PDB file of N, CA and C in Angstrom:
ATOM      1  N   MET A   1     113.978  88.319  93.634  1.00  0.00           N
ATOM      2  CA  MET A   1     113.126  88.372  92.466  1.00  0.00           C
ATOM      3  C   MET A   1     112.844  89.835  92.124  1.00  0.00           C
ATOM      4  N   THR A   2     112.996  90.185  90.883  1.00  0.00           N
ATOM      5  CA  THR A   2     112.736  91.562  90.480  1.00  0.00           C
ATOM      6  C   THR A   2     111.266  91.758  90.171  1.00  0.00           C
ATOM      7  N   GLU A   3     110.806  92.963  90.354  1.00  0.00           N
ATOM      8  CA  GLU A   3     109.428  93.310  90.019  1.00  0.00           C
ATOM      9  C   GLU A   3     109.303  93.411  88.505  1.00  0.00           C
ATOM     10  N   PRO A   4     108.130  93.076  87.946  1.00  0.00           N
ATOM     11  CA  PRO A   4     107.947  93.155  86.492  1.00  0.00           C
ATOM     12  C   PRO A   4     108.225  94.533  85.926  1.00  0.00           C
ATOM     13  N   PHE A   5     107.911  95.596  86.667  1.00  0.00           N
ATOM     14  CA  PHE A   5     108.146  96.915  86.118  1.00  0.00           C
ATOM     15  C   PHE A   5     109.614  97.289  86.075  1.00  0.00           C
ATOM     16  N   ASP A   6     110.478  96.479  86.682  1.00  0.00           N
ATOM     17  CA  ASP A   6     111.915  96.703  86.569  1.00  0.00           C
ATOM     18  C   ASP A   6     112.440  96.270  85.204  1.00  0.00           C
ATOM     19  N   ARG A   7     111.619  95.549  84.440  1.00  0.00           N
ATOM     20  CA  ARG A   7     112.064  95.015  83.155  1.00  0.00           C
ATOM     21  C   ARG A   7     111.733  95.934  81.978  1.00  0.00           C
ATOM     22  N   ILE A   8     111.321  97.152  82.240  1.00  0.00           N
ATOM     23  CA  ILE A   8     111.021  98.065  81.147  1.00  0.00           C
ATOM     24  C   ILE A   8     112.333  98.446  80.470  1.00  0.00           C
ATOM     25  N   PRO A   9     112.465  98.131  79.181  1.00  0.00           N
ATOM     26  CA  PRO A   9     113.714  98.490  78.509  1.00  0.00           C
ATOM     27  C   PRO A   9     113.792  99.997  78.297  1.00  0.00           C
ATOM     28  N   SER A  10     114.981 100.503  78.361  1.00  0.00           N
ATOM     29  CA  SER A  10     115.183 101.927  78.124  1.00  0.00           C
ATOM     30  C   SER A  10     114.940 102.250  76.661  1.00  0.00           C
ATOM     31  N   GLY A  11     114.278 103.361  76.430  1.00  0.00           N
ATOM     32  CA  GLY A  11     113.986 103.782  75.070  1.00  0.00           C
ATOM     33  C   GLY A  11     115.207 104.364  74.375  1.00  0.00           C
ATOM     34  N   GLY A  12     116.261 104.599  75.129  1.00  0.00           N
ATOM     35  CA  GLY A  12     117.468 105.150  74.529  1.00  0.00           C
ATOM     36  C   GLY A  12     117.356 106.623  74.174  1.00  0.00           C
ATOM     37  N   GLN A  13     116.299 107.271  74.661  1.00  0.00           N
ATOM     38  CA  GLN A  13     116.096 108.680  74.346  1.00  0.00           C
ATOM     39  C   GLN A  13     116.812 109.592  75.343  1.00  0.00           C
ATOM     40  N   GLY A  14     117.323 109.024  76.408  1.00  0.00           N
ATOM     41  CA  GLY A  14     117.987 109.832  77.410  1.00  0.00           C
ATOM     42  C   GLY A  14     117.007 110.636  78.245  1.00  0.00           C
ATOM     43  N   ASN A  15     115.757 110.198  78.273  1.00  0.00           N
ATOM     44  CA  ASN A  15     114.745 110.914  79.028  1.00  0.00           C
ATOM     45  C   ASN A  15     114.458 110.147  80.311  1.00  0.00           C
ATOM     46  N   GLY A  16     115.415 110.115  81.208  1.00  0.00           N
ATOM     47  CA  GLY A  16     115.312 109.345  82.434  1.00  0.00           C
ATOM     48  C   GLY A  16     114.205 109.806  83.351  1.00  0.00           C
ATOM     49  N   TRP A  17     113.912 111.108  83.349  1.00  0.00           N
ATOM     50  CA  TRP A  17     112.870 111.620  84.220  1.00  0.00           C
ATOM     51  C   TRP A  17     111.502 111.055  83.838  1.00  0.00           C
ATOM     52  N   SER A  18     111.199 111.017  82.548  1.00  0.00           N
ATOM     53  CA  SER A  18     109.918 110.458  82.092  1.00  0.00           C
ATOM     54  C   SER A  18     109.822 108.977  82.436  1.00  0.00           C
ATOM     55  N   GLU A  19     110.924 108.276  82.277  1.00  0.00           N
ATOM     56  CA  GLU A  19     110.934 106.852  82.625  1.00  0.00           C
ATOM     57  C   GLU A  19     110.679 106.674  84.114  1.00  0.00           C
ATOM     58  N   GLN A  20     111.296 107.509  84.937  1.00  0.00           N
ATOM     59  CA  GLN A  20     111.089 107.420  86.380  1.00  0.00           C
ATOM     60  C   GLN A  20     109.648 107.743  86.748  1.00  0.00           C
ATOM     61  N   GLU A  21     109.061 108.721  86.090  1.00  0.00           N
ATOM     62  CA  GLU A  21     107.657 109.042  86.346  1.00  0.00           C
ATOM     63  C   GLU A  21     106.753 107.857  85.986  1.00  0.00           C
ATOM     64  N   ALA A  22     107.046 107.195  84.881  1.00  0.00           N
ATOM     65  CA  ALA A  22     106.262 106.023  84.476  1.00  0.00           C
ATOM     66  C   ALA A  22     106.405 104.901  85.497  1.00  0.00           C
ATOM     67  N   LEU A  23     107.603 104.672  85.993  1.00  0.00           N
ATOM     68  CA  LEU A  23     107.821 103.645  87.018  1.00  0.00           C
ATOM     69  C   LEU A  23     107.070 103.994  88.305  1.00  0.00           C
ATOM     70  N   ASP A  24     107.073 105.278  88.671  1.00  0.00           N
ATOM     71  CA  ASP A  24     106.339 105.716  89.853  1.00  0.00           C
ATOM     72  C   ASP A  24     104.841 105.506  89.677  1.00  0.00           C
ATOM     73  N   ASP A  25     104.327 105.791  88.466  1.00  0.00           N
ATOM     74  CA  ASP A  25     102.907 105.571  88.178  1.00  0.00           C
ATOM     75  C   ASP A  25     102.554 104.089  88.303  1.00  0.00           C
ATOM     76  N   LEU A  26     103.393 103.218  87.735  1.00  0.00           N
ATOM     77  CA  LEU A  26     103.141 101.781  87.833  1.00  0.00           C
ATOM     78  C   LEU A  26     103.141 101.313  89.283  1.00  0.00           C
ATOM     79  N   LYS A  27     104.067 101.794  90.066  1.00  0.00           N
ATOM     80  CA  LYS A  27     104.147 101.414  91.483  1.00  0.00           C
ATOM     81  C   LYS A  27     102.883 101.847  92.206  1.00  0.00           C
ATOM     82  N   ARG A  28     102.441 103.093  91.987  1.00  0.00           N
ATOM     83  CA  ARG A  28     101.240 103.600  92.643  1.00  0.00           C
ATOM     84  C   ARG A  28     100.010 102.779  92.241  1.00  0.00           C
ATOM     85  N   ILE A  29      99.870 102.517  90.956  1.00  0.00           N
ATOM     86  CA  ILE A  29      98.720 101.770  90.457  1.00  0.00           C
ATOM     87  C   ILE A  29      98.750 100.332  90.965  1.00  0.00           C
ATOM     88  N   LYS A  30      99.916  99.737  90.987  1.00  0.00           N
ATOM     89  CA  LYS A  30     100.058  98.354  91.471  1.00  0.00           C
ATOM     90  C   LYS A  30      99.597  98.231  92.914  1.00  0.00           C
ATOM     91  N   ASP A  31      99.808  99.261  93.699  1.00  0.00           N
ATOM     92  CA  ASP A  31      99.434  99.227  95.110  1.00  0.00           C
ATOM     93  C   ASP A  31      97.925  99.294  95.338  1.00  0.00           C
ATOM     94  N   TYR A  32      97.145  99.581  94.318  1.00  0.00           N
ATOM     95  CA  TYR A  32      95.691  99.602  94.436  1.00  0.00           C
ATOM     96  C   TYR A  32      95.103  98.200  94.565  1.00  0.00           C
ATOM     97  N   LEU A  33      95.832  97.198  94.141  1.00  0.00           N
ATOM     98  CA  LEU A  33      95.254  95.873  93.904  1.00  0.00           C
ATOM     99  C   LEU A  33      95.997  94.761  94.623  1.00  0.00           C
ATOM    100  N   PRO A  34      95.301  93.628  94.834  1.00  0.00           N
ATOM    101  CA  PRO A  34      96.010  92.447  95.334  1.00  0.00           C
ATOM    102  C   PRO A  34      97.074  91.999  94.312  1.00  0.00           C
ATOM    103  N   ALA A  35      98.162  91.482  94.813  1.00  0.00           N
ATOM    104  CA  ALA A  35      99.295  91.108  93.954  1.00  0.00           C
ATOM    105  C   ALA A  35      98.897  90.115  92.856  1.00  0.00           C
ATOM    106  N   LYS A  36      98.047  89.149  93.181  1.00  0.00           N
ATOM    107  CA  LYS A  36      97.663  88.128  92.195  1.00  0.00           C
ATOM    108  C   LYS A  36      96.895  88.763  91.036  1.00  0.00           C
ATOM    109  N   TYR A  37      95.979  89.684  91.356  1.00  0.00           N
ATOM    110  CA  TYR A  37      95.212  90.362  90.301  1.00  0.00           C
ATOM    111  C   TYR A  37      96.129  91.214  89.434  1.00  0.00           C
ATOM    112  N   TRP A  38      97.055  91.941  90.069  1.00  0.00           N
ATOM    113  CA  TRP A  38      97.974  92.782  89.301  1.00  0.00           C
ATOM    114  C   TRP A  38      98.832  91.924  88.372  1.00  0.00           C
ATOM    115  N   SER A  39      99.289  90.798  88.874  1.00  0.00           N
ATOM    116  CA  SER A  39     100.122  89.909  88.078  1.00  0.00           C
ATOM    117  C   SER A  39      99.389  89.429  86.826  1.00  0.00           C
ATOM    118  N   ILE A  40      98.146  89.004  86.991  1.00  0.00           N
ATOM    119  CA  ILE A  40      97.354  88.539  85.841  1.00  0.00           C
ATOM    120  C   ILE A  40      97.124  89.675  84.862  1.00  0.00           C
ATOM    121  N   PHE A  41      96.756  90.842  85.365  1.00  0.00           N
ATOM    122  CA  PHE A  41      96.536  92.017  84.515  1.00  0.00           C
ATOM    123  C   PHE A  41      97.797  92.344  83.713  1.00  0.00           C
ATOM    124  N   GLU A  42      98.910  92.354  84.393  1.00  0.00           N
ATOM    125  CA  GLU A  42     100.165  92.708  83.750  1.00  0.00           C
ATOM    126  C   GLU A  42     100.587  91.676  82.701  1.00  0.00           C
ATOM    127  N   ILE A  43     100.398  90.408  83.007  1.00  0.00           N
ATOM    128  CA  ILE A  43     100.746  89.352  82.054  1.00  0.00           C
ATOM    129  C   ILE A  43      99.946  89.511  80.759  1.00  0.00           C
ATOM    130  N   VAL A  44      98.646  89.782  80.891  1.00  0.00           N
ATOM    131  CA  VAL A  44      97.780  89.881  79.719  1.00  0.00           C
ATOM    132  C   VAL A  44      97.962  91.206  78.991  1.00  0.00           C
ATOM    133  N   VAL A  45      97.874  92.303  79.733  1.00  0.00           N
ATOM    134  CA  VAL A  45      97.825  93.624  79.099  1.00  0.00           C
ATOM    135  C   VAL A  45      99.211  94.154  78.748  1.00  0.00           C
ATOM    136  N   ARG A  46     100.117  94.057  79.667  1.00  0.00           N
ATOM    137  CA  ARG A  46     101.435  94.665  79.445  1.00  0.00           C
ATOM    138  C   ARG A  46     102.377  93.775  78.646  1.00  0.00           C
ATOM    139  N   PHE A  47     102.352  92.479  78.954  1.00  0.00           N
ATOM    140  CA  PHE A  47     103.298  91.573  78.307  1.00  0.00           C
ATOM    141  C   PHE A  47     102.669  90.745  77.197  1.00  0.00           C
ATOM    142  N   ASP A  48     101.378  90.977  76.911  1.00  0.00           N
ATOM    143  CA  ASP A  48     100.678  90.398  75.765  1.00  0.00           C
ATOM    144  C   ASP A  48     100.726  88.875  75.723  1.00  0.00           C
ATOM    145  N   GLU A  49     100.597  88.268  76.895  1.00  0.00           N
ATOM    146  CA  GLU A  49     100.518  86.808  76.970  1.00  0.00           C
ATOM    147  C   GLU A  49      99.059  86.384  76.829  1.00  0.00           C
ATOM    148  N   PRO A  50      98.790  85.160  76.412  1.00  0.00           N
ATOM    149  CA  PRO A  50      97.402  84.692  76.288  1.00  0.00           C
ATOM    150  C   PRO A  50      96.688  84.662  77.644  1.00  0.00           C
ATOM    151  N   ALA A  51      95.395  84.953  77.613  1.00  0.00           N
ATOM    152  CA  ALA A  51      94.605  84.968  78.843  1.00  0.00           C
ATOM    153  C   ALA A  51      94.615  83.603  79.527  1.00  0.00           C
ATOM    154  N   GLY A  52      94.623  82.532  78.753  1.00  0.00           N
ATOM    155  CA  GLY A  52      94.652  81.194  79.334  1.00  0.00           C
ATOM    156  C   GLY A  52      95.902  80.954  80.153  1.00  0.00           C
ATOM    157  N   TYR A  53      97.021  81.466  79.690  1.00  0.00           N
ATOM    158  CA  TYR A  53      98.276  81.343  80.428  1.00  0.00           C
ATOM    159  C   TYR A  53      98.185  82.123  81.736  1.00  0.00           C
ATOM    160  N   ALA A  54      97.682  83.345  81.664  1.00  0.00           N
ATOM    161  CA  ALA A  54      97.583  84.182  82.857  1.00  0.00           C
ATOM    162  C   ALA A  54      96.601  83.595  83.862  1.00  0.00           C
ATOM    163  N   GLY A  55      95.510  83.024  83.376  1.00  0.00           N
ATOM    164  CA  GLY A  55      94.498  82.469  84.253  1.00  0.00           C
ATOM    165  C   GLY A  55      94.833  81.110  84.820  1.00  0.00           C
ATOM    166  N   SER A  56      95.940  80.539  84.409  1.00  0.00           N
ATOM    167  CA  SER A  56      96.293  79.193  84.871  1.00  0.00           C
ATOM    168  C   SER A  56      96.568  79.145  86.371  1.00  0.00           C
ATOM    169  N   SER A  57      96.858  80.289  86.966  1.00  0.00           N
ATOM    170  CA  SER A  57      97.076  80.308  88.413  1.00  0.00           C
ATOM    171  C   SER A  57      95.757  80.324  89.186  1.00  0.00           C
ATOM    172  N   LEU A  58      94.637  80.498  88.460  1.00  0.00           N
ATOM    173  CA  LEU A  58      93.330  80.582  89.115  1.00  0.00           C
ATOM    174  C   LEU A  58      92.551  79.283  89.093  1.00  0.00           C
ATOM    175  N   THR A  59      92.716  78.484  88.052  1.00  0.00           N
ATOM    176  CA  THR A  59      91.934  77.253  87.903  1.00  0.00           C
ATOM    177  C   THR A  59      92.646  76.297  86.962  1.00  0.00           C
ATOM    178  N   ASP A  60      92.255  75.034  86.972  1.00  0.00           N
ATOM    179  CA  ASP A  60      92.868  74.031  86.104  1.00  0.00           C
ATOM    180  C   ASP A  60      92.125  73.852  84.776  1.00  0.00           C
ATOM    181  N   CYS A  61      90.884  74.288  84.690  1.00  0.00           N
ATOM    182  CA  CYS A  61      90.078  74.128  83.483  1.00  0.00           C
ATOM    183  C   CYS A  61      90.425  75.210  82.457  1.00  0.00           C
ATOM    184  N   LYS A  62      90.797  74.806  81.249  1.00  0.00           N
ATOM    185  CA  LYS A  62      91.259  75.745  80.228  1.00  0.00           C
ATOM    186  C   LYS A  62      90.234  76.853  79.935  1.00  0.00           C
ATOM    187  N   ASN A  63      88.962  76.470  79.750  1.00  0.00           N
ATOM    188  CA  ASN A  63      87.941  77.487  79.465  1.00  0.00           C
ATOM    189  C   ASN A  63      87.780  78.450  80.634  1.00  0.00           C
ATOM    190  N   ASP A  64      87.842  77.925  81.841  1.00  0.00           N
ATOM    191  CA  ASP A  64      87.727  78.776  83.025  1.00  0.00           C
ATOM    192  C   ASP A  64      88.945  79.677  83.192  1.00  0.00           C
ATOM    193  N   GLN A  65      90.110  79.220  82.759  1.00  0.00           N
ATOM    194  CA  GLN A  65      91.311  80.052  82.843  1.00  0.00           C
ATOM    195  C   GLN A  65      91.138  81.318  82.023  1.00  0.00           C
ATOM    196  N   ILE A  66      90.644  81.161  80.809  1.00  0.00           N
ATOM    197  CA  ILE A  66      90.452  82.308  79.927  1.00  0.00           C
ATOM    198  C   ILE A  66      89.388  83.238  80.503  1.00  0.00           C
ATOM    199  N   ALA A  67      88.264  82.677  80.902  1.00  0.00           N
ATOM    200  CA  ALA A  67      87.178  83.496  81.453  1.00  0.00           C
ATOM    201  C   ALA A  67      87.617  84.211  82.730  1.00  0.00           C
ATOM    202  N   SER A  68      88.340  83.517  83.587  1.00  0.00           N
ATOM    203  CA  SER A  68      88.802  84.109  84.845  1.00  0.00           C
ATOM    204  C   SER A  68      89.773  85.253  84.590  1.00  0.00           C
ATOM    205  N   ALA A  69      90.699  85.047  83.677  1.00  0.00           N
ATOM    206  CA  ALA A  69      91.662  86.102  83.351  1.00  0.00           C
ATOM    207  C   ALA A  69      90.952  87.322  82.781  1.00  0.00           C
ATOM    208  N   ARG A  70      89.947  87.114  81.946  1.00  0.00           N
ATOM    209  CA  ARG A  70      89.190  88.247  81.387  1.00  0.00           C
ATOM    210  C   ARG A  70      88.490  89.038  82.480  1.00  0.00           C
ATOM    211  N   VAL A  71      87.885  88.336  83.422  1.00  0.00           N
ATOM    212  CA  VAL A  71      87.198  89.021  84.517  1.00  0.00           C
ATOM    213  C   VAL A  71      88.190  89.814  85.363  1.00  0.00           C
ATOM    214  N   VAL A  72      89.333  89.226  85.644  1.00  0.00           N
ATOM    215  CA  VAL A  72      90.356  89.921  86.438  1.00  0.00           C
ATOM    216  C   VAL A  72      90.851  91.157  85.701  1.00  0.00           C
ATOM    217  N   VAL A  73      91.116  91.040  84.404  1.00  0.00           N
ATOM    218  CA  VAL A  73      91.586  92.194  83.624  1.00  0.00           C
ATOM    219  C   VAL A  73      90.530  93.299  83.625  1.00  0.00           C
ATOM    220  N   GLN A  74      89.276  92.941  83.449  1.00  0.00           N
ATOM    221  CA  GLN A  74      88.208  93.943  83.489  1.00  0.00           C
ATOM    222  C   GLN A  74      88.121  94.598  84.862  1.00  0.00           C
ATOM    223  N   PHE A  75      88.211  93.805  85.904  1.00  0.00           N
ATOM    224  CA  PHE A  75      88.143  94.329  87.267  1.00  0.00           C
ATOM    225  C   PHE A  75      89.295  95.292  87.532  1.00  0.00           C
ATOM    226  N   VAL A  76      90.513  94.887  87.184  1.00  0.00           N
ATOM    227  CA  VAL A  76      91.678  95.734  87.422  1.00  0.00           C
ATOM    228  C   VAL A  76      91.568  97.033  86.628  1.00  0.00           C
ATOM    229  N   ALA A  77      91.135  96.944  85.379  1.00  0.00           N
ATOM    230  CA  ALA A  77      90.969  98.152  84.568  1.00  0.00           C
ATOM    231  C   ALA A  77      89.930  99.077  85.202  1.00  0.00           C
ATOM    232  N   ASP A  78      88.856  98.517  85.733  1.00  0.00           N
ATOM    233  CA  ASP A  78      87.836  99.332  86.410  1.00  0.00           C
ATOM    234  C   ASP A  78      88.402 100.021  87.644  1.00  0.00           C
ATOM    235  N   ILE A  79      89.180  99.296  88.433  1.00  0.00           N
ATOM    236  CA  ILE A  79      89.781  99.884  89.634  1.00  0.00           C
ATOM    237  C   ILE A  79      90.748 101.001  89.257  1.00  0.00           C
ATOM    238  N   ILE A  80      91.559 100.770  88.248  1.00  0.00           N
ATOM    239  CA  ILE A  80      92.505 101.804  87.807  1.00  0.00           C
ATOM    240  C   ILE A  80      91.740 103.043  87.351  1.00  0.00           C
ATOM    241  N   ALA A  81      90.703 102.835  86.554  1.00  0.00           N
ATOM    242  CA  ALA A  81      89.910 103.965  86.069  1.00  0.00           C
ATOM    243  C   ALA A  81      89.273 104.721  87.235  1.00  0.00           C
ATOM    244  N   MET A  82      88.750 103.990  88.200  1.00  0.00           N
ATOM    245  CA  MET A  82      88.113 104.622  89.346  1.00  0.00           C
ATOM    246  C   MET A  82      89.128 105.414  90.179  1.00  0.00           C
ATOM    247  N   LYS A  83      90.248 104.791  90.468  1.00  0.00           N
ATOM    248  CA  LYS A  83      91.254 105.443  91.313  1.00  0.00           C
ATOM    249  C   LYS A  83      91.948 106.609  90.614  1.00  0.00           C
ATOM    250  N   GLU A  84      92.145 106.461  89.325  1.00  0.00           N
ATOM    251  CA  GLU A  84      92.822 107.521  88.562  1.00  0.00           C
ATOM    252  C   GLU A  84      91.821 108.543  88.016  1.00  0.00           C
ATOM    253  N   ARG A  85      90.531 108.297  88.273  1.00  0.00           N
ATOM    254  CA  ARG A  85      89.447 109.196  87.874  1.00  0.00           C
ATOM    255  C   ARG A  85      89.399 109.444  86.376  1.00  0.00           C
ATOM    256  N   LEU A  86      89.564 108.346  85.634  1.00  0.00           N
ATOM    257  CA  LEU A  86      89.482 108.428  84.182  1.00  0.00           C
ATOM    258  C   LEU A  86      88.017 108.369  83.770  1.00  0.00           C
ATOM    259  N   THR A  87      87.662 109.095  82.762  1.00  0.00           N
ATOM    260  CA  THR A  87      86.296 109.043  82.255  1.00  0.00           C
ATOM    261  C   THR A  87      86.319 108.655  80.794  1.00  0.00           C
ATOM    262  N   ALA A  88      85.292 107.939  80.382  1.00  0.00           N
ATOM    263  CA  ALA A  88      85.215 107.498  78.986  1.00  0.00           C
ATOM    264  C   ALA A  88      84.504 108.523  78.150  1.00  0.00           C
TER     265      ALA A  88
END
């Protein structure tokens, strides 16, 4: 099974170094979190899937799926901001 970050299409700009740096950043950030949380975050934020779809691995109730996915996305974003020392 390939990792989701292996599916980044090439921009065709011939800038392989920047692409490699982006892949390295994703790998580092992914390692901050449990795999299940990263997967939900990536499904919603990176691949623009509905929160209900992403949250379906957490619960069977449709309303809870959406709420759960939102909480996970917020949590992951907070962890990334904390670890990467981003300020608002």
